[in-house]
N, C-alpha and C. Protein backbone atom coordinates (compact mmCIF):
# COMPACT_ATOMS: atom_id res chain seq x y z
N MET A 1 14.83 -30.10 -26.85
CA MET A 1 16.10 -29.54 -26.72
C MET A 1 16.51 -29.49 -25.26
N LYS A 2 17.73 -30.06 -24.98
CA LYS A 2 18.23 -30.11 -23.62
C LYS A 2 19.03 -28.88 -23.28
N THR A 3 18.75 -28.29 -22.15
CA THR A 3 19.47 -27.07 -21.74
C THR A 3 20.73 -27.56 -20.98
N ILE A 4 21.90 -27.00 -21.36
CA ILE A 4 23.16 -27.38 -20.65
C ILE A 4 23.56 -26.23 -19.75
N SER A 5 23.77 -26.56 -18.47
CA SER A 5 24.14 -25.57 -17.51
C SER A 5 25.59 -25.54 -17.37
N ALA A 6 26.11 -24.48 -16.77
CA ALA A 6 27.56 -24.33 -16.53
C ALA A 6 28.15 -25.51 -15.67
N THR A 7 27.27 -25.97 -14.66
CA THR A 7 27.81 -27.08 -13.84
C THR A 7 27.93 -28.38 -14.61
N ASP A 8 27.03 -28.55 -15.68
CA ASP A 8 27.15 -29.77 -16.50
C ASP A 8 28.45 -29.87 -17.24
N THR A 9 28.98 -28.68 -17.71
CA THR A 9 30.14 -28.66 -18.50
C THR A 9 31.42 -28.45 -17.71
N GLY A 10 31.30 -28.27 -16.38
CA GLY A 10 32.47 -28.11 -15.59
C GLY A 10 32.99 -26.69 -15.53
N GLN A 11 32.14 -25.71 -16.11
CA GLN A 11 32.54 -24.34 -16.07
C GLN A 11 32.19 -23.69 -14.76
N GLU A 12 32.89 -22.74 -14.37
CA GLU A 12 32.70 -22.02 -13.13
C GLU A 12 31.74 -20.88 -13.45
N THR A 13 30.69 -20.77 -12.63
CA THR A 13 29.72 -19.71 -12.81
C THR A 13 30.18 -18.39 -12.15
N GLY A 14 29.83 -17.20 -12.68
CA GLY A 14 30.23 -15.94 -12.16
C GLY A 14 29.24 -15.65 -10.94
N ASP A 15 29.73 -14.68 -10.18
CA ASP A 15 28.99 -14.27 -8.94
C ASP A 15 27.83 -13.29 -9.47
N PHE A 16 26.63 -13.64 -8.99
CA PHE A 16 25.41 -12.93 -9.41
C PHE A 16 25.51 -11.47 -8.96
N ALA A 17 25.84 -11.21 -7.69
CA ALA A 17 25.87 -9.80 -7.23
C ALA A 17 26.87 -9.03 -7.97
N THR A 18 28.03 -9.59 -8.34
CA THR A 18 29.05 -8.85 -9.14
C THR A 18 28.56 -8.57 -10.54
N PHE A 19 27.94 -9.55 -11.15
CA PHE A 19 27.33 -9.38 -12.48
C PHE A 19 26.24 -8.30 -12.44
N LEU A 20 25.42 -8.27 -11.52
CA LEU A 20 24.31 -7.26 -11.49
C LEU A 20 24.87 -5.85 -11.24
N ALA A 21 25.83 -5.80 -10.31
CA ALA A 21 26.49 -4.48 -9.97
C ALA A 21 27.25 -3.95 -11.28
N SER A 22 27.77 -4.80 -12.06
CA SER A 22 28.56 -4.36 -13.18
C SER A 22 27.73 -3.91 -14.35
N ILE A 23 26.57 -4.52 -14.66
CA ILE A 23 25.80 -4.09 -15.75
C ILE A 23 24.64 -3.19 -15.45
N ARG A 24 24.12 -3.25 -14.21
CA ARG A 24 23.01 -2.45 -13.77
C ARG A 24 23.31 -1.94 -12.43
N PRO A 25 24.26 -0.99 -12.20
CA PRO A 25 24.62 -0.51 -10.98
C PRO A 25 23.48 0.26 -10.08
N GLY A 26 22.59 0.86 -10.80
CA GLY A 26 21.45 1.51 -10.17
C GLY A 26 20.41 0.46 -9.57
N THR A 27 20.51 -0.71 -10.25
CA THR A 27 19.46 -1.68 -9.67
C THR A 27 19.87 -2.13 -8.28
N THR A 28 21.18 -2.47 -8.05
CA THR A 28 21.56 -2.84 -6.77
C THR A 28 21.24 -1.77 -5.68
N ARG A 29 21.43 -0.62 -6.00
CA ARG A 29 21.04 0.47 -5.03
C ARG A 29 19.60 0.54 -4.78
N GLU A 30 18.83 0.44 -5.89
CA GLU A 30 17.37 0.47 -5.76
C GLU A 30 16.86 -0.72 -4.89
N LEU A 31 17.46 -1.88 -5.22
CA LEU A 31 17.01 -3.10 -4.49
C LEU A 31 17.36 -2.98 -2.97
N SER A 32 18.46 -2.40 -2.61
CA SER A 32 18.83 -2.21 -1.20
C SER A 32 17.94 -1.28 -0.55
N GLU A 33 17.51 -0.20 -1.16
CA GLU A 33 16.59 0.84 -0.65
C GLU A 33 15.19 0.20 -0.51
N GLU A 34 14.77 -0.51 -1.53
CA GLU A 34 13.39 -1.14 -1.43
C GLU A 34 13.28 -2.24 -0.40
N LEU A 35 14.44 -3.01 -0.30
CA LEU A 35 14.46 -4.02 0.77
C LEU A 35 14.33 -3.44 2.16
N ASN A 36 14.95 -2.29 2.30
CA ASN A 36 14.88 -1.60 3.68
C ASN A 36 13.46 -1.11 3.91
N ASN A 37 12.83 -0.61 2.91
CA ASN A 37 11.46 -0.15 3.00
C ASN A 37 10.47 -1.34 3.30
N VAL A 38 10.60 -2.40 2.58
CA VAL A 38 9.77 -3.58 2.84
C VAL A 38 9.95 -4.11 4.33
N VAL A 39 11.17 -4.27 4.68
CA VAL A 39 11.46 -4.75 6.09
C VAL A 39 10.76 -3.84 7.06
N GLY A 40 10.85 -2.43 6.97
CA GLY A 40 10.21 -1.49 7.79
C GLY A 40 8.78 -1.67 7.88
N ALA A 41 8.19 -1.79 6.65
CA ALA A 41 6.67 -1.99 6.54
C ALA A 41 6.28 -3.28 7.22
N VAL A 42 7.00 -4.38 7.01
CA VAL A 42 6.64 -5.52 7.67
C VAL A 42 6.69 -5.43 9.17
N LYS A 43 7.80 -4.86 9.71
CA LYS A 43 7.89 -4.66 11.14
C LYS A 43 6.72 -3.78 11.68
N ASN A 44 6.37 -2.81 10.92
CA ASN A 44 5.35 -1.84 11.27
C ASN A 44 3.88 -2.42 11.30
N THR A 45 3.58 -3.25 10.33
CA THR A 45 2.28 -3.76 10.26
C THR A 45 2.17 -5.24 10.68
N GLY A 46 3.19 -5.98 10.83
CA GLY A 46 3.10 -7.39 11.18
C GLY A 46 2.59 -8.24 10.10
N LYS A 47 2.58 -7.76 8.95
CA LYS A 47 2.08 -8.50 7.71
C LYS A 47 3.29 -8.76 6.78
N GLN A 48 3.11 -9.73 5.87
CA GLN A 48 4.22 -10.00 4.99
C GLN A 48 4.40 -9.11 3.80
N GLY A 49 5.48 -9.01 3.27
CA GLY A 49 5.80 -8.18 2.13
C GLY A 49 6.66 -8.95 1.19
N SER A 50 6.98 -8.39 0.05
CA SER A 50 7.84 -9.13 -0.86
C SER A 50 8.66 -8.06 -1.73
N LEU A 51 9.78 -8.53 -2.21
CA LEU A 51 10.64 -7.75 -3.13
C LEU A 51 11.09 -8.80 -4.23
N VAL A 52 10.74 -8.46 -5.50
CA VAL A 52 11.09 -9.38 -6.59
C VAL A 52 11.96 -8.75 -7.63
N LEU A 53 12.97 -9.34 -7.99
CA LEU A 53 13.79 -8.84 -9.18
C LEU A 53 13.61 -9.83 -10.33
N LYS A 54 13.17 -9.35 -11.47
CA LYS A 54 12.99 -10.19 -12.59
C LYS A 54 13.96 -9.67 -13.72
N LEU A 55 14.77 -10.55 -14.17
CA LEU A 55 15.68 -10.27 -15.29
C LEU A 55 15.13 -10.99 -16.53
N THR A 56 15.01 -10.15 -17.60
CA THR A 56 14.59 -10.69 -18.86
C THR A 56 15.83 -10.66 -19.81
N ILE A 57 16.21 -11.74 -20.37
CA ILE A 57 17.44 -11.81 -21.15
C ILE A 57 17.00 -12.19 -22.61
N LYS A 58 17.32 -11.32 -23.58
CA LYS A 58 16.90 -11.58 -24.96
C LYS A 58 18.14 -11.46 -25.89
N PRO A 59 18.12 -12.26 -27.02
CA PRO A 59 19.16 -12.14 -27.98
C PRO A 59 18.93 -10.86 -28.83
N VAL A 60 19.97 -10.31 -29.25
CA VAL A 60 19.89 -9.08 -30.11
C VAL A 60 19.77 -9.44 -31.52
N ASP A 61 18.79 -9.03 -32.11
CA ASP A 61 18.50 -9.26 -33.60
C ASP A 61 18.63 -10.81 -33.93
N GLY A 62 18.05 -11.69 -33.02
CA GLY A 62 17.94 -13.04 -33.32
C GLY A 62 19.34 -13.79 -33.20
N GLY A 63 20.40 -13.11 -32.91
CA GLY A 63 21.73 -13.76 -32.71
C GLY A 63 21.87 -14.32 -31.33
N VAL A 64 23.01 -14.90 -31.13
CA VAL A 64 23.32 -15.35 -29.73
C VAL A 64 24.63 -14.85 -29.19
N SER A 65 25.30 -14.04 -30.08
CA SER A 65 26.60 -13.47 -29.67
C SER A 65 26.46 -12.23 -28.79
N MET A 66 25.25 -11.64 -28.84
CA MET A 66 25.01 -10.47 -28.01
C MET A 66 23.55 -10.52 -27.44
N LEU A 67 23.52 -10.21 -26.17
CA LEU A 67 22.23 -10.33 -25.40
C LEU A 67 21.87 -8.95 -24.76
N THR A 68 20.56 -8.75 -24.57
CA THR A 68 20.17 -7.54 -23.73
C THR A 68 19.62 -8.11 -22.43
N VAL A 69 19.87 -7.42 -21.38
CA VAL A 69 19.38 -7.73 -20.09
C VAL A 69 18.42 -6.59 -19.61
N HIS A 70 17.24 -6.84 -19.34
CA HIS A 70 16.27 -5.86 -18.77
C HIS A 70 15.90 -6.27 -17.34
N ASP A 71 15.80 -5.36 -16.45
CA ASP A 71 15.46 -5.72 -15.11
C ASP A 71 14.16 -5.08 -14.78
N GLU A 72 13.43 -5.70 -13.80
CA GLU A 72 12.13 -5.21 -13.33
C GLU A 72 12.11 -5.49 -11.86
N ILE A 73 11.80 -4.45 -11.08
CA ILE A 73 11.70 -4.70 -9.60
C ILE A 73 10.25 -4.49 -9.22
N LYS A 74 9.67 -5.37 -8.50
CA LYS A 74 8.30 -5.37 -7.99
C LYS A 74 8.41 -5.39 -6.55
N VAL A 75 7.70 -4.37 -5.90
CA VAL A 75 7.72 -4.26 -4.43
C VAL A 75 6.27 -4.37 -3.99
N ASN A 76 6.06 -5.25 -2.90
CA ASN A 76 4.77 -5.30 -2.31
C ASN A 76 5.01 -5.06 -0.79
N LYS A 77 4.71 -3.78 -0.42
CA LYS A 77 4.85 -3.44 0.93
C LYS A 77 3.45 -3.56 1.64
N PRO A 78 3.44 -4.23 2.80
CA PRO A 78 2.21 -4.34 3.42
C PRO A 78 1.77 -3.04 4.01
N GLU A 79 0.39 -2.87 4.12
CA GLU A 79 -0.18 -1.63 4.67
C GLU A 79 -1.11 -1.96 5.85
N HIS A 80 -1.32 -0.97 6.67
CA HIS A 80 -2.30 -1.18 7.78
C HIS A 80 -3.69 -1.23 7.16
N ASN A 81 -4.58 -1.98 7.81
CA ASN A 81 -6.00 -2.03 7.41
C ASN A 81 -6.56 -0.62 7.72
N ARG A 82 -7.33 -0.19 6.82
CA ARG A 82 -8.02 1.12 6.93
C ARG A 82 -9.39 0.83 7.49
N LEU A 83 -9.65 1.49 8.62
CA LEU A 83 -10.96 1.34 9.24
C LEU A 83 -12.02 2.21 8.63
N GLY A 84 -13.23 1.81 8.57
CA GLY A 84 -14.32 2.52 8.09
C GLY A 84 -14.80 3.55 9.09
N SER A 85 -15.64 4.60 8.65
CA SER A 85 -16.08 5.58 9.48
C SER A 85 -17.64 5.39 9.44
N LEU A 86 -18.38 5.57 10.62
CA LEU A 86 -19.78 5.47 10.60
C LEU A 86 -20.30 6.85 10.35
N VAL A 87 -21.28 6.93 9.38
CA VAL A 87 -21.93 8.16 8.95
C VAL A 87 -23.40 7.90 8.77
N TYR A 88 -24.16 9.06 8.74
CA TYR A 88 -25.60 8.96 8.55
C TYR A 88 -25.92 9.84 7.38
N PRO A 89 -26.78 9.41 6.45
CA PRO A 89 -27.26 10.17 5.35
C PRO A 89 -28.54 11.01 5.82
N ASP A 90 -28.55 12.27 5.39
CA ASP A 90 -29.75 13.09 5.68
C ASP A 90 -30.68 12.94 4.52
N LYS A 91 -31.80 13.74 4.52
CA LYS A 91 -32.81 13.67 3.49
C LYS A 91 -32.32 14.08 2.05
N ASN A 92 -31.18 14.83 2.09
CA ASN A 92 -30.65 15.26 0.79
C ASN A 92 -29.36 14.39 0.42
N ASN A 93 -29.29 13.30 1.07
CA ASN A 93 -28.13 12.31 0.81
C ASN A 93 -26.77 12.90 1.17
N ASN A 94 -26.65 13.93 1.94
CA ASN A 94 -25.40 14.35 2.51
C ASN A 94 -25.09 13.45 3.68
N LEU A 95 -23.72 13.26 3.90
CA LEU A 95 -23.28 12.39 5.00
C LEU A 95 -22.91 13.21 6.20
N SER A 96 -23.20 12.79 7.43
CA SER A 96 -22.92 13.43 8.68
C SER A 96 -22.44 12.45 9.74
N ARG A 97 -21.55 12.95 10.61
CA ARG A 97 -21.09 12.09 11.76
C ARG A 97 -22.20 11.94 12.72
N THR A 98 -23.13 12.82 12.73
CA THR A 98 -24.26 12.73 13.75
C THR A 98 -25.59 12.34 13.00
N ASP A 99 -26.43 11.63 13.73
CA ASP A 99 -27.69 11.15 13.21
C ASP A 99 -28.62 12.29 13.17
N PRO A 100 -29.07 12.74 11.98
CA PRO A 100 -29.89 14.00 11.82
C PRO A 100 -31.36 13.69 12.36
N THR A 101 -31.72 12.42 12.73
CA THR A 101 -32.99 12.15 13.05
C THR A 101 -33.22 11.98 14.59
N THR A 102 -32.11 12.20 15.32
CA THR A 102 -32.21 12.02 16.81
C THR A 102 -31.81 13.31 17.48
N MET A 103 -32.20 13.45 18.71
CA MET A 103 -31.78 14.52 19.58
C MET A 103 -30.33 14.39 19.99
N PRO A 104 -29.60 15.48 20.09
CA PRO A 104 -28.16 15.37 20.60
C PRO A 104 -28.16 15.01 22.04
N LEU A 105 -27.16 14.27 22.45
CA LEU A 105 -26.95 13.83 23.78
C LEU A 105 -26.17 14.90 24.67
N PHE A 106 -25.36 15.64 24.06
CA PHE A 106 -24.52 16.60 24.91
C PHE A 106 -24.75 18.02 24.47
N ASP A 107 -24.52 18.94 25.36
CA ASP A 107 -24.80 20.37 25.17
C ASP A 107 -24.10 20.91 23.93
N ASP A 108 -22.87 20.51 23.61
CA ASP A 108 -22.14 21.09 22.41
C ASP A 108 -22.79 20.57 21.11
N GLU A 109 -23.64 19.58 21.14
CA GLU A 109 -24.24 19.18 19.95
C GLU A 109 -25.62 19.73 19.75
N ILE A 110 -26.18 20.54 20.66
CA ILE A 110 -27.51 21.10 20.51
C ILE A 110 -27.48 22.04 19.26
N ARG A 111 -28.47 21.80 18.36
CA ARG A 111 -28.54 22.58 17.13
C ARG A 111 -29.70 23.51 17.19
N ASN A 112 -29.63 24.56 17.88
CA ASN A 112 -30.58 25.72 17.86
C ASN A 112 -31.98 25.22 18.09
N ILE A 113 -32.22 24.39 19.14
CA ILE A 113 -33.53 23.90 19.38
C ILE A 113 -34.19 24.94 20.33
N PRO A 114 -35.22 25.60 19.96
CA PRO A 114 -35.81 26.61 20.82
C PRO A 114 -36.57 26.05 21.96
N ASP A 115 -36.71 26.83 23.06
CA ASP A 115 -37.54 26.58 24.16
C ASP A 115 -37.25 25.23 24.84
N VAL A 116 -36.00 24.84 24.93
CA VAL A 116 -35.56 23.71 25.68
C VAL A 116 -34.62 24.14 26.77
N ASN A 117 -34.89 23.61 27.99
CA ASN A 117 -34.04 23.85 29.21
C ASN A 117 -32.82 22.90 28.96
N LEU A 118 -31.59 23.48 28.74
CA LEU A 118 -30.47 22.62 28.38
C LEU A 118 -29.97 21.78 29.61
N HIS A 119 -30.37 22.21 30.88
CA HIS A 119 -29.89 21.40 31.98
C HIS A 119 -30.82 20.28 32.30
N THR A 120 -32.11 20.49 32.19
CA THR A 120 -33.08 19.36 32.49
C THR A 120 -33.67 18.77 31.30
N GLY A 121 -33.52 19.30 30.15
CA GLY A 121 -34.07 18.67 28.86
C GLY A 121 -35.52 18.99 28.70
N GLU A 122 -36.16 19.73 29.69
CA GLU A 122 -37.56 20.00 29.56
C GLU A 122 -37.93 20.89 28.35
N VAL A 123 -38.91 20.45 27.59
CA VAL A 123 -39.41 21.29 26.49
C VAL A 123 -40.44 22.16 26.95
N LYS A 124 -40.23 23.47 26.82
CA LYS A 124 -41.17 24.52 27.37
C LYS A 124 -42.31 24.72 26.41
N ASP A 125 -42.05 24.99 25.22
CA ASP A 125 -43.07 25.19 24.21
C ASP A 125 -42.68 24.61 22.84
N LEU A 126 -43.49 23.97 22.25
CA LEU A 126 -43.26 23.48 20.94
C LEU A 126 -43.89 24.42 19.94
N PRO A 127 -43.18 24.72 18.83
CA PRO A 127 -43.78 25.51 17.83
C PRO A 127 -44.91 24.82 17.13
N ALA A 128 -45.97 25.58 16.88
CA ALA A 128 -47.17 24.96 16.28
C ALA A 128 -47.03 24.73 14.86
């Protein structure tokens, strides 16, 4: 079956933007807002994004005299890469930002270690 287009028959085609605004006025507003969001995300991340409008056109009850038009908008906004965090597991499998098996390097990280001179690091007495 050959598809005949409006240009093949000499008919003038209607303006797409006018058509969309007349049957789905909320869609044009939503597309404008989403386009603005995608452009902002592309500028912010330096990565590509996309905005897709899909129109599905179906005959009503198998006839051809009346059709339904459904729209679907798909937005793909780029995002920044999320960096991982370095953590250490302790003997109970809890995670910590500091290594529980090493001595702290700075005074504010000292964890109640008895008998240590905080200025020289000298250990005075070790518990037996």
